[in-house]
N, C-alpha and C. Protein backbone atom coordinates (compact mmCIF):
# COMPACT_ATOMS: atom_id res chain seq x y z
N MET A 1 -28.30 38.14 -45.42
CA MET A 1 -28.00 39.34 -44.62
C MET A 1 -26.88 40.12 -45.34
N SER A 2 -27.10 41.42 -45.50
CA SER A 2 -26.11 42.26 -46.19
C SER A 2 -24.87 42.40 -45.33
N ARG A 3 -23.76 42.81 -45.99
CA ARG A 3 -22.50 43.00 -45.26
C ARG A 3 -22.64 44.04 -44.16
N ILE A 4 -23.32 45.13 -44.43
CA ILE A 4 -23.48 46.22 -43.46
C ILE A 4 -24.25 45.71 -42.23
N CYS A 5 -25.35 44.96 -42.49
CA CYS A 5 -26.15 44.45 -41.36
C CYS A 5 -25.35 43.46 -40.54
N LEU A 6 -24.55 42.61 -41.23
CA LEU A 6 -23.74 41.64 -40.54
C LEU A 6 -22.72 42.31 -39.64
N LYS A 7 -22.07 43.39 -40.14
CA LYS A 7 -21.10 44.12 -39.35
C LYS A 7 -21.76 44.76 -38.13
N LEU A 8 -22.92 45.37 -38.35
CA LEU A 8 -23.65 45.97 -37.23
C LEU A 8 -24.01 44.94 -36.17
N PHE A 9 -24.43 43.78 -36.65
CA PHE A 9 -24.80 42.70 -35.72
C PHE A 9 -23.62 42.23 -34.88
N ILE A 10 -22.47 42.08 -35.54
CA ILE A 10 -21.25 41.64 -34.83
C ILE A 10 -20.80 42.68 -33.83
N VAL A 11 -20.83 43.97 -34.24
CA VAL A 11 -20.46 45.04 -33.34
C VAL A 11 -21.39 45.09 -32.13
N SER A 12 -22.67 44.98 -32.38
CA SER A 12 -23.64 45.01 -31.28
C SER A 12 -23.46 43.83 -30.31
N LEU A 13 -23.22 42.64 -30.88
CA LEU A 13 -23.02 41.46 -30.07
C LEU A 13 -21.76 41.60 -29.22
N PHE A 14 -20.71 42.16 -29.81
CA PHE A 14 -19.46 42.37 -29.08
C PHE A 14 -19.67 43.35 -27.95
N GLY A 15 -20.45 44.42 -28.20
CA GLY A 15 -20.72 45.41 -27.17
C GLY A 15 -21.50 44.84 -26.00
N ILE A 16 -22.52 44.01 -26.33
CA ILE A 16 -23.34 43.39 -25.27
C ILE A 16 -22.50 42.45 -24.43
N THR A 17 -21.66 41.63 -25.08
CA THR A 17 -20.82 40.68 -24.38
C THR A 17 -19.81 41.39 -23.48
N THR A 18 -19.19 42.46 -24.01
CA THR A 18 -18.22 43.24 -23.22
C THR A 18 -18.86 43.84 -22.00
N THR A 19 -20.05 44.40 -22.19
CA THR A 19 -20.79 45.02 -21.08
C THR A 19 -21.10 43.97 -20.02
N ALA A 20 -21.57 42.81 -20.45
CA ALA A 20 -21.93 41.74 -19.49
C ALA A 20 -20.72 41.31 -18.69
N LEU A 21 -19.58 41.14 -19.37
CA LEU A 21 -18.35 40.73 -18.67
C LEU A 21 -17.87 41.78 -17.73
N THR A 22 -18.04 43.05 -18.12
CA THR A 22 -17.59 44.16 -17.26
C THR A 22 -18.44 44.20 -16.01
N VAL A 23 -19.77 44.01 -16.16
CA VAL A 23 -20.65 44.03 -14.99
C VAL A 23 -20.31 42.91 -14.03
N LEU A 24 -20.05 41.70 -14.58
CA LEU A 24 -19.69 40.56 -13.77
C LEU A 24 -18.40 40.80 -13.04
N ALA A 25 -17.44 41.45 -13.74
CA ALA A 25 -16.13 41.67 -13.13
C ALA A 25 -16.16 42.75 -12.09
N GLU A 26 -17.02 43.77 -12.26
CA GLU A 26 -17.00 44.93 -11.38
C GLU A 26 -17.99 44.81 -10.22
N ASP A 27 -19.02 43.96 -10.35
CA ASP A 27 -20.00 43.84 -9.28
C ASP A 27 -19.45 42.98 -8.15
N PRO A 28 -19.54 43.45 -6.93
CA PRO A 28 -19.07 42.63 -5.79
C PRO A 28 -20.08 41.56 -5.47
N PRO A 29 -19.74 40.61 -4.61
CA PRO A 29 -20.71 39.62 -4.16
C PRO A 29 -21.92 40.35 -3.56
N ALA A 30 -23.08 39.69 -3.62
CA ALA A 30 -24.35 40.31 -3.21
C ALA A 30 -24.31 40.78 -1.74
N GLU A 31 -23.57 40.03 -0.87
CA GLU A 31 -23.56 40.39 0.52
C GLU A 31 -22.65 41.59 0.86
N VAL A 32 -21.90 42.05 -0.13
CA VAL A 32 -20.98 43.18 0.11
C VAL A 32 -21.56 44.45 -0.48
N PRO A 33 -21.92 45.43 0.37
CA PRO A 33 -22.46 46.69 -0.15
C PRO A 33 -21.37 47.50 -0.80
N LYS A 34 -21.69 48.21 -1.87
CA LYS A 34 -20.69 49.07 -2.51
C LYS A 34 -20.44 50.31 -1.66
N LYS A 35 -21.50 50.77 -0.98
CA LYS A 35 -21.40 51.94 -0.13
C LYS A 35 -22.22 51.70 1.13
N GLN A 36 -21.90 52.47 2.16
CA GLN A 36 -22.67 52.40 3.41
C GLN A 36 -23.08 53.82 3.82
N ASP A 37 -24.17 53.88 4.56
CA ASP A 37 -24.68 55.16 5.01
C ASP A 37 -24.49 55.25 6.54
N TRP A 38 -23.49 56.06 6.95
CA TRP A 38 -23.21 56.25 8.36
C TRP A 38 -23.60 57.66 8.81
N SER A 39 -24.50 58.29 8.09
CA SER A 39 -24.84 59.68 8.41
C SER A 39 -25.51 59.84 9.76
N ALA A 40 -26.10 58.78 10.28
CA ALA A 40 -26.76 58.85 11.58
C ALA A 40 -25.79 58.65 12.74
N TYR A 41 -24.52 58.43 12.42
CA TYR A 41 -23.53 58.16 13.46
C TYR A 41 -22.37 59.12 13.34
N ALA A 42 -21.64 59.27 14.47
CA ALA A 42 -20.41 60.05 14.50
C ALA A 42 -19.32 59.18 15.09
N THR A 43 -18.10 59.32 14.56
CA THR A 43 -17.00 58.54 15.08
C THR A 43 -16.69 58.97 16.52
N PHE A 44 -16.55 58.01 17.42
CA PHE A 44 -16.28 58.31 18.81
C PHE A 44 -14.80 58.12 19.16
N SER A 45 -14.26 56.92 18.86
CA SER A 45 -12.87 56.67 19.18
C SER A 45 -12.41 55.41 18.46
N GLU A 46 -11.11 55.15 18.55
CA GLU A 46 -10.53 53.93 18.04
C GLU A 46 -9.76 53.26 19.19
N ILE A 47 -9.99 51.97 19.35
CA ILE A 47 -9.32 51.23 20.42
C ILE A 47 -8.82 49.90 19.88
N ALA A 48 -7.87 49.30 20.58
CA ALA A 48 -7.34 47.98 20.17
C ALA A 48 -7.32 47.08 21.39
N GLY A 49 -7.49 45.80 21.12
CA GLY A 49 -7.50 44.85 22.22
C GLY A 49 -7.53 43.42 21.69
N GLU A 50 -7.74 42.49 22.64
CA GLU A 50 -7.77 41.07 22.31
C GLU A 50 -9.18 40.55 22.41
N VAL A 51 -9.61 39.77 21.43
CA VAL A 51 -10.96 39.18 21.43
C VAL A 51 -11.00 38.10 22.52
N VAL A 52 -11.94 38.27 23.45
CA VAL A 52 -12.17 37.26 24.49
C VAL A 52 -13.20 36.28 24.00
N LYS A 53 -14.31 36.80 23.50
CA LYS A 53 -15.35 35.96 22.89
C LYS A 53 -16.21 36.82 21.98
N PHE A 54 -16.92 36.14 21.09
CA PHE A 54 -17.80 36.87 20.16
C PHE A 54 -19.06 36.03 19.95
N GLU A 55 -20.18 36.60 20.35
CA GLU A 55 -21.49 36.04 20.09
C GLU A 55 -22.30 37.14 19.43
N ASP A 56 -22.32 37.09 18.09
CA ASP A 56 -22.91 38.13 17.27
C ASP A 56 -24.25 38.59 17.85
N PRO A 57 -24.40 39.94 18.08
CA PRO A 57 -23.55 41.02 17.69
C PRO A 57 -22.62 41.54 18.81
N ILE A 58 -22.45 40.77 19.91
CA ILE A 58 -21.68 41.27 21.05
C ILE A 58 -20.26 40.74 21.03
N LEU A 59 -19.31 41.66 21.06
CA LEU A 59 -17.88 41.34 21.09
C LEU A 59 -17.34 41.71 22.48
N THR A 60 -16.73 40.73 23.13
CA THR A 60 -16.07 40.98 24.39
C THR A 60 -14.58 41.19 24.12
N LEU A 61 -14.10 42.38 24.47
CA LEU A 61 -12.75 42.78 24.18
C LEU A 61 -11.95 43.00 25.45
N LYS A 62 -10.71 42.47 25.50
CA LYS A 62 -9.83 42.74 26.60
C LYS A 62 -8.86 43.86 26.23
N ILE A 63 -8.93 44.94 26.99
CA ILE A 63 -8.07 46.08 26.73
C ILE A 63 -6.99 46.14 27.81
N THR A 64 -5.75 46.26 27.39
CA THR A 64 -4.62 46.29 28.33
C THR A 64 -4.00 47.68 28.31
N THR A 65 -3.89 48.28 29.48
CA THR A 65 -3.22 49.56 29.59
C THR A 65 -2.00 49.40 30.52
N TYR A 66 -0.99 50.22 30.28
CA TYR A 66 0.25 50.12 31.06
C TYR A 66 0.51 51.45 31.77
N THR A 67 0.88 51.34 33.05
CA THR A 67 1.22 52.51 33.82
C THR A 67 2.60 52.33 34.43
N GLN A 68 3.31 53.44 34.58
CA GLN A 68 4.66 53.40 35.12
C GLN A 68 4.68 54.05 36.47
N SER A 69 5.36 53.40 37.39
CA SER A 69 5.47 53.96 38.74
C SER A 69 6.92 53.82 39.23
N GLY A 70 7.30 54.63 40.19
CA GLY A 70 8.66 54.56 40.72
C GLY A 70 9.66 55.18 39.77
N GLY A 71 10.91 54.99 40.06
CA GLY A 71 11.97 55.56 39.24
C GLY A 71 12.39 56.89 39.76
N GLY A 72 13.66 57.23 39.55
CA GLY A 72 14.16 58.53 40.04
C GLY A 72 14.31 58.53 41.54
N GLY A 73 14.39 59.68 42.12
CA GLY A 73 14.43 59.82 43.56
C GLY A 73 15.81 59.76 44.19
N GLY A 74 16.82 59.43 43.40
CA GLY A 74 18.16 59.33 43.98
C GLY A 74 19.10 60.32 43.35
N ARG A 75 20.25 60.55 44.02
CA ARG A 75 21.23 61.47 43.49
C ARG A 75 22.33 60.70 42.80
N GLY A 76 22.84 61.25 41.74
CA GLY A 76 23.92 60.60 41.07
C GLY A 76 23.40 59.57 40.07
N ARG A 77 24.33 59.17 39.22
CA ARG A 77 23.98 58.22 38.17
C ARG A 77 23.67 56.82 38.74
N GLY A 78 22.54 56.27 38.38
CA GLY A 78 22.18 54.93 38.78
C GLY A 78 21.71 54.78 40.20
N ARG A 79 21.47 55.91 40.90
CA ARG A 79 21.05 55.82 42.29
C ARG A 79 19.55 55.68 42.46
N GLY A 80 18.79 56.04 41.44
CA GLY A 80 17.34 55.99 41.55
C GLY A 80 16.80 54.58 41.35
N ARG A 81 15.57 54.39 41.78
CA ARG A 81 14.92 53.08 41.59
C ARG A 81 14.48 52.92 40.15
N ARG A 82 14.53 51.67 39.70
CA ARG A 82 14.06 51.38 38.32
C ARG A 82 12.56 51.52 38.25
N PRO A 83 12.02 52.14 37.25
CA PRO A 83 10.57 52.28 37.16
C PRO A 83 9.89 50.93 36.99
N GLN A 84 8.74 50.78 37.57
CA GLN A 84 7.94 49.55 37.47
C GLN A 84 6.80 49.75 36.48
N ILE A 85 6.65 48.78 35.60
CA ILE A 85 5.56 48.84 34.63
C ILE A 85 4.44 47.90 35.09
N LYS A 86 3.25 48.44 35.23
CA LYS A 86 2.13 47.64 35.65
C LYS A 86 1.08 47.55 34.55
N ALA A 87 0.64 46.34 34.24
CA ALA A 87 -0.37 46.14 33.22
C ALA A 87 -1.75 45.96 33.86
N THR A 88 -2.72 46.68 33.37
CA THR A 88 -4.08 46.58 33.86
C THR A 88 -4.98 46.11 32.72
N HIS A 89 -5.80 45.09 33.03
CA HIS A 89 -6.67 44.52 32.00
C HIS A 89 -8.12 44.87 32.32
N LYS A 90 -8.87 45.16 31.28
CA LYS A 90 -10.29 45.46 31.43
C LYS A 90 -11.05 44.83 30.28
N GLU A 91 -12.15 44.15 30.59
CA GLU A 91 -12.98 43.54 29.57
C GLU A 91 -14.24 44.36 29.37
N VAL A 92 -14.57 44.62 28.12
CA VAL A 92 -15.77 45.41 27.80
C VAL A 92 -16.58 44.64 26.76
N ASP A 93 -17.87 44.78 26.86
CA ASP A 93 -18.78 44.19 25.88
C ASP A 93 -19.26 45.31 24.93
N LEU A 94 -19.06 45.12 23.65
CA LEU A 94 -19.44 46.11 22.67
C LEU A 94 -20.31 45.49 21.60
N ASN A 95 -21.31 46.23 21.14
CA ASN A 95 -22.23 45.72 20.10
C ASN A 95 -21.80 46.21 18.72
N PHE A 96 -21.94 45.33 17.75
CA PHE A 96 -21.74 45.77 16.38
C PHE A 96 -22.95 46.58 15.94
N ALA A 97 -22.70 47.66 15.21
CA ALA A 97 -23.78 48.37 14.56
C ALA A 97 -24.37 47.48 13.51
N GLU A 98 -25.59 47.75 13.09
CA GLU A 98 -26.24 46.90 12.09
C GLU A 98 -25.40 46.77 10.83
N GLN A 99 -24.76 47.88 10.43
CA GLN A 99 -23.91 47.87 9.23
C GLN A 99 -22.46 47.53 9.54
N GLY A 100 -22.15 47.28 10.80
CA GLY A 100 -20.77 47.06 11.23
C GLY A 100 -20.11 45.92 10.48
N LEU A 101 -18.82 46.12 10.16
CA LEU A 101 -18.11 45.13 9.38
C LEU A 101 -16.85 44.65 10.08
N VAL A 102 -16.49 43.41 9.76
CA VAL A 102 -15.21 42.84 10.18
C VAL A 102 -14.30 42.88 8.97
N ARG A 103 -13.04 43.28 9.16
CA ARG A 103 -12.08 43.39 8.07
C ARG A 103 -10.79 42.73 8.44
N TRP A 104 -10.03 42.29 7.43
CA TRP A 104 -8.68 41.81 7.64
C TRP A 104 -7.73 43.01 7.41
N GLN A 105 -6.69 43.10 8.22
CA GLN A 105 -5.70 44.14 7.97
C GLN A 105 -4.94 43.88 6.70
N LYS A 106 -4.70 42.60 6.42
CA LYS A 106 -4.06 42.18 5.18
C LYS A 106 -5.02 41.22 4.46
N PRO A 107 -4.94 41.10 3.13
CA PRO A 107 -5.84 40.18 2.45
C PRO A 107 -5.69 38.75 2.94
N ALA A 108 -6.83 38.07 3.11
CA ALA A 108 -6.76 36.65 3.48
C ALA A 108 -6.10 35.89 2.38
N PRO A 109 -5.24 34.89 2.71
CA PRO A 109 -4.52 34.16 1.66
C PRO A 109 -5.45 33.39 0.73
N LYS A 110 -5.04 33.29 -0.49
CA LYS A 110 -5.80 32.52 -1.50
C LYS A 110 -5.01 31.24 -1.80
N MET A 111 -5.68 30.12 -1.68
CA MET A 111 -5.03 28.85 -1.88
C MET A 111 -5.32 28.31 -3.29
N GLY A 112 -4.30 27.82 -3.96
CA GLY A 112 -4.47 27.24 -5.27
C GLY A 112 -4.85 25.77 -5.17
N ALA A 113 -5.00 25.15 -6.37
CA ALA A 113 -5.42 23.75 -6.44
C ALA A 113 -4.40 22.82 -5.78
N ASN A 114 -3.16 23.21 -5.80
CA ASN A 114 -2.08 22.41 -5.22
C ASN A 114 -1.90 22.62 -3.72
N GLY A 115 -2.76 23.46 -3.13
CA GLY A 115 -2.65 23.72 -1.70
C GLY A 115 -1.68 24.81 -1.34
N ARG A 116 -1.07 25.46 -2.31
CA ARG A 116 -0.13 26.54 -2.04
C ARG A 116 -0.80 27.88 -2.24
N LYS A 117 -0.22 28.87 -1.58
CA LYS A 117 -0.77 30.23 -1.70
C LYS A 117 -0.49 30.78 -3.09
N VAL A 118 -1.49 31.43 -3.63
CA VAL A 118 -1.35 32.10 -4.94
C VAL A 118 -1.76 33.55 -4.77
N PRO A 119 -1.17 34.44 -5.56
CA PRO A 119 -1.52 35.87 -5.43
C PRO A 119 -2.93 36.18 -5.90
N HIS A 120 -3.53 37.14 -5.29
CA HIS A 120 -4.85 37.61 -5.75
C HIS A 120 -4.69 38.46 -7.02
N SER A 121 -5.69 38.41 -7.88
CA SER A 121 -5.67 39.27 -9.03
C SER A 121 -6.02 40.69 -8.60
N PHE A 122 -5.74 41.66 -9.49
CA PHE A 122 -6.06 43.05 -9.20
C PHE A 122 -7.54 43.22 -8.92
N LYS A 123 -8.39 42.58 -9.74
CA LYS A 123 -9.83 42.73 -9.58
C LYS A 123 -10.29 42.12 -8.25
N GLU A 124 -9.69 41.00 -7.84
CA GLU A 124 -10.03 40.37 -6.57
C GLU A 124 -9.69 41.31 -5.42
N ILE A 125 -8.54 41.95 -5.51
CA ILE A 125 -8.13 42.89 -4.45
C ILE A 125 -9.12 44.05 -4.36
N GLN A 126 -9.54 44.56 -5.51
CA GLN A 126 -10.49 45.68 -5.53
C GLN A 126 -11.81 45.27 -4.92
N MET A 127 -12.26 44.03 -5.17
CA MET A 127 -13.50 43.53 -4.59
C MET A 127 -13.39 43.44 -3.06
N MET A 128 -12.22 42.97 -2.63
CA MET A 128 -11.98 42.77 -1.19
C MET A 128 -11.91 44.08 -0.41
N LYS A 129 -11.67 45.16 -1.14
CA LYS A 129 -11.60 46.47 -0.49
C LYS A 129 -12.97 47.14 -0.32
N LEU A 130 -13.98 46.57 -0.97
CA LEU A 130 -15.33 47.12 -0.81
C LEU A 130 -15.86 46.84 0.57
N PRO A 131 -16.78 47.72 1.08
CA PRO A 131 -17.35 48.89 0.44
C PRO A 131 -16.40 50.09 0.50
N GLN A 132 -16.72 51.10 -0.29
CA GLN A 132 -15.88 52.28 -0.35
C GLN A 132 -15.74 52.90 1.04
N GLY A 133 -14.52 53.28 1.38
CA GLY A 133 -14.28 53.95 2.65
C GLY A 133 -13.95 53.02 3.80
N ALA A 134 -14.17 51.71 3.63
CA ALA A 134 -13.88 50.76 4.69
C ALA A 134 -12.37 50.45 4.74
N PRO A 135 -11.81 50.28 5.91
CA PRO A 135 -10.39 49.95 6.00
C PRO A 135 -10.14 48.50 5.70
N GLY A 136 -8.90 48.15 5.35
CA GLY A 136 -8.52 46.76 5.20
C GLY A 136 -9.24 46.02 4.10
N TYR A 137 -9.47 44.75 4.35
CA TYR A 137 -9.99 43.86 3.30
C TYR A 137 -11.17 43.01 3.84
N LEU A 138 -12.01 42.58 2.93
CA LEU A 138 -13.23 41.85 3.24
C LEU A 138 -13.02 40.65 4.18
N ALA A 139 -13.83 40.57 5.20
CA ALA A 139 -13.88 39.45 6.13
C ALA A 139 -15.32 39.24 6.59
N ALA A 140 -15.56 38.16 7.26
CA ALA A 140 -16.90 37.86 7.76
C ALA A 140 -16.89 37.92 9.28
N ARG A 141 -18.01 38.13 9.88
CA ARG A 141 -18.07 38.16 11.34
C ARG A 141 -17.65 36.82 11.92
N SER A 142 -17.89 35.75 11.18
CA SER A 142 -17.51 34.43 11.62
C SER A 142 -16.00 34.25 11.71
N ASP A 143 -15.24 35.20 11.10
CA ASP A 143 -13.79 35.14 11.15
C ASP A 143 -13.25 35.59 12.50
N LEU A 144 -14.09 36.23 13.32
CA LEU A 144 -13.64 36.70 14.63
C LEU A 144 -13.57 35.50 15.60
N VAL A 145 -12.39 35.27 16.20
CA VAL A 145 -12.25 34.19 17.13
C VAL A 145 -11.42 34.69 18.33
N PRO A 146 -11.56 34.05 19.52
CA PRO A 146 -10.81 34.45 20.67
C PRO A 146 -9.29 34.43 20.40
N GLY A 147 -8.58 35.39 21.00
CA GLY A 147 -7.14 35.45 20.88
C GLY A 147 -6.66 36.37 19.79
N GLN A 148 -7.58 36.86 18.94
CA GLN A 148 -7.14 37.77 17.89
C GLN A 148 -6.95 39.18 18.44
N ILE A 149 -6.02 39.89 17.84
CA ILE A 149 -5.82 41.31 18.14
C ILE A 149 -6.61 42.11 17.11
N VAL A 150 -7.51 42.95 17.57
CA VAL A 150 -8.35 43.72 16.66
C VAL A 150 -8.26 45.23 17.00
N ALA A 151 -8.42 46.01 15.96
CA ALA A 151 -8.53 47.48 16.13
C ALA A 151 -9.98 47.85 15.79
N LEU A 152 -10.64 48.50 16.73
CA LEU A 152 -12.06 48.84 16.56
C LEU A 152 -12.24 50.31 16.31
N THR A 153 -13.14 50.62 15.40
CA THR A 153 -13.62 51.99 15.23
C THR A 153 -15.00 52.05 15.84
N LEU A 154 -15.18 52.89 16.88
CA LEU A 154 -16.43 53.00 17.59
C LEU A 154 -17.18 54.23 17.15
N VAL A 155 -18.49 54.10 17.03
CA VAL A 155 -19.33 55.25 16.66
C VAL A 155 -20.42 55.41 17.71
N ARG A 156 -20.98 56.62 17.72
CA ARG A 156 -22.10 56.93 18.60
C ARG A 156 -23.22 57.52 17.75
N PRO A 157 -24.47 57.32 18.15
CA PRO A 157 -25.58 57.95 17.44
C PRO A 157 -25.47 59.48 17.51
N ARG A 158 -25.70 60.15 16.41
CA ARG A 158 -25.59 61.62 16.40
C ARG A 158 -26.65 62.28 17.28
N ASP A 159 -27.76 61.59 17.52
CA ASP A 159 -28.83 62.20 18.33
C ASP A 159 -28.54 62.11 19.82
N VAL A 160 -27.43 61.47 20.19
CA VAL A 160 -27.01 61.41 21.59
C VAL A 160 -25.89 62.42 21.80
N PRO A 161 -26.13 63.46 22.61
CA PRO A 161 -25.08 64.47 22.82
C PRO A 161 -23.80 63.82 23.35
N LEU A 162 -22.66 64.35 22.94
CA LEU A 162 -21.37 63.80 23.35
C LEU A 162 -21.24 63.78 24.87
N SER A 163 -21.78 64.77 25.52
CA SER A 163 -21.66 64.86 26.99
C SER A 163 -22.49 63.79 27.70
N LYS A 164 -23.42 63.17 26.98
CA LYS A 164 -24.31 62.18 27.62
C LYS A 164 -24.06 60.76 27.07
N VAL A 165 -23.01 60.59 26.28
CA VAL A 165 -22.72 59.24 25.75
C VAL A 165 -22.28 58.31 26.85
N THR A 166 -22.87 57.12 26.86
CA THR A 166 -22.46 56.09 27.79
C THR A 166 -21.87 54.90 27.00
N GLU A 167 -21.29 53.96 27.69
CA GLU A 167 -20.65 52.80 27.04
C GLU A 167 -21.67 52.03 26.24
N THR A 168 -22.92 51.99 26.70
CA THR A 168 -23.94 51.23 25.99
C THR A 168 -24.39 51.88 24.66
N ASP A 169 -24.06 53.20 24.52
CA ASP A 169 -24.41 53.90 23.28
C ASP A 169 -23.42 53.59 22.17
N LEU A 170 -22.23 53.16 22.54
CA LEU A 170 -21.18 52.95 21.53
C LEU A 170 -21.42 51.67 20.76
N GLN A 171 -21.13 51.74 19.46
CA GLN A 171 -21.28 50.58 18.60
C GLN A 171 -20.05 50.44 17.71
N ILE A 172 -19.83 49.20 17.28
CA ILE A 172 -18.65 48.91 16.43
C ILE A 172 -18.99 49.18 14.96
N LYS A 173 -18.23 50.08 14.39
CA LYS A 173 -18.36 50.35 12.94
C LYS A 173 -17.47 49.37 12.17
N TYR A 174 -16.19 49.28 12.55
CA TYR A 174 -15.26 48.38 11.90
C TYR A 174 -14.45 47.65 12.98
N ALA A 175 -14.21 46.36 12.76
CA ALA A 175 -13.28 45.58 13.57
C ALA A 175 -12.25 45.03 12.61
N VAL A 176 -11.01 45.53 12.68
CA VAL A 176 -9.96 45.13 11.78
C VAL A 176 -9.07 44.09 12.49
N ILE A 177 -9.01 42.88 11.95
CA ILE A 177 -8.21 41.81 12.53
C ILE A 177 -6.77 42.02 12.11
N ALA A 178 -5.88 42.26 13.13
CA ALA A 178 -4.48 42.53 12.83
C ALA A 178 -3.63 41.28 12.96
N GLY A 179 -4.06 40.32 13.71
CA GLY A 179 -3.27 39.10 13.93
C GLY A 179 -3.73 38.39 15.16
N SER A 180 -2.90 37.51 15.67
CA SER A 180 -3.21 36.70 16.85
C SER A 180 -2.25 37.02 17.97
N SER A 181 -2.75 37.01 19.21
CA SER A 181 -1.88 37.25 20.35
C SER A 181 -1.14 35.99 20.75
N ASN A 182 -1.59 34.83 20.23
CA ASN A 182 -1.01 33.56 20.60
C ASN A 182 0.18 33.22 19.68
N VAL A 183 1.24 34.01 19.78
CA VAL A 183 2.42 33.84 18.92
C VAL A 183 3.09 32.49 19.18
N ALA A 184 3.07 32.05 20.43
CA ALA A 184 3.75 30.80 20.77
C ALA A 184 3.11 29.61 20.05
N ALA A 185 1.76 29.64 19.93
CA ALA A 185 1.07 28.55 19.30
C ALA A 185 1.22 28.60 17.80
N ASP A 186 1.36 29.79 17.25
CA ASP A 186 1.48 29.95 15.80
C ASP A 186 2.52 31.02 15.52
N PRO A 187 3.82 30.70 15.58
CA PRO A 187 4.88 31.71 15.41
C PRO A 187 4.82 32.42 14.09
N GLY A 188 4.25 31.79 13.08
CA GLY A 188 4.19 32.41 11.76
C GLY A 188 3.09 33.42 11.61
N ALA A 189 2.16 33.44 12.57
CA ALA A 189 1.03 34.32 12.43
C ALA A 189 1.42 35.78 12.67
N GLY A 190 2.26 36.02 13.65
CA GLY A 190 2.67 37.38 13.99
C GLY A 190 1.50 38.14 14.57
N LEU A 191 1.75 39.40 14.89
CA LEU A 191 0.71 40.24 15.45
C LEU A 191 0.24 41.27 14.47
N GLY A 192 0.74 41.29 13.28
CA GLY A 192 0.30 42.25 12.30
C GLY A 192 0.98 43.58 12.46
N ALA A 193 0.83 44.44 11.48
CA ALA A 193 1.45 45.77 11.54
C ALA A 193 0.96 46.56 12.71
N GLY A 194 1.89 47.13 13.46
CA GLY A 194 1.51 47.90 14.63
C GLY A 194 1.44 47.09 15.89
N PHE A 195 1.50 45.76 15.77
CA PHE A 195 1.43 44.90 16.93
C PHE A 195 2.61 43.90 16.95
N GLU A 196 3.72 44.33 16.35
CA GLU A 196 4.88 43.44 16.28
C GLU A 196 5.43 43.15 17.66
N LYS A 197 5.94 41.94 17.82
CA LYS A 197 6.58 41.54 19.09
C LYS A 197 7.88 42.29 19.23
N LYS A 198 8.05 42.98 20.31
CA LYS A 198 9.25 43.77 20.55
C LYS A 198 10.37 42.88 21.10
N GLU A 199 11.55 43.03 20.55
CA GLU A 199 12.70 42.25 21.04
C GLU A 199 13.27 42.94 22.28
N LYS A 200 13.72 42.14 23.25
CA LYS A 200 14.28 42.68 24.46
C LYS A 200 15.76 43.07 24.22
């Protein structure tokens, strides 16, 4: 083989190998779509609550709202009644859309061979952010368990007029796991960003 042919062969082999490695590095796992098509849906609202139970595709969510009553009504400093805060709980059943995804607010920890946490590589982080446009990081529906605090993005079919939308029309586009409400059982878990325990 002449020197020129040998050089061309080496260059070609290097190019093929580099391309193969790039494809392997950039392609996400088969179950993770690079993109999603939500053109048939419109965003309806975002809500947060606690997971009561999950039987795919139905998620039962407990939503807590707070109302204030009393307070004021007196003259002078400190003469009024202290306002009362009342918590109201409501459980709703919501269906995941066919393309609906569960996400972690923060990347799930990666454990090394010695059982300790190790940092994710840049490429791993990029994979976990797929598909494009999705919030948070890759999770599975099986990661949803009772007691978790989740933020849901709800969508409605575009062919259903907004004025006629009912609760049964709403579907879950994204469920982002922010943490656990059971801080006493797992003090290190926390409630995640936006759900921090407030000090008295």
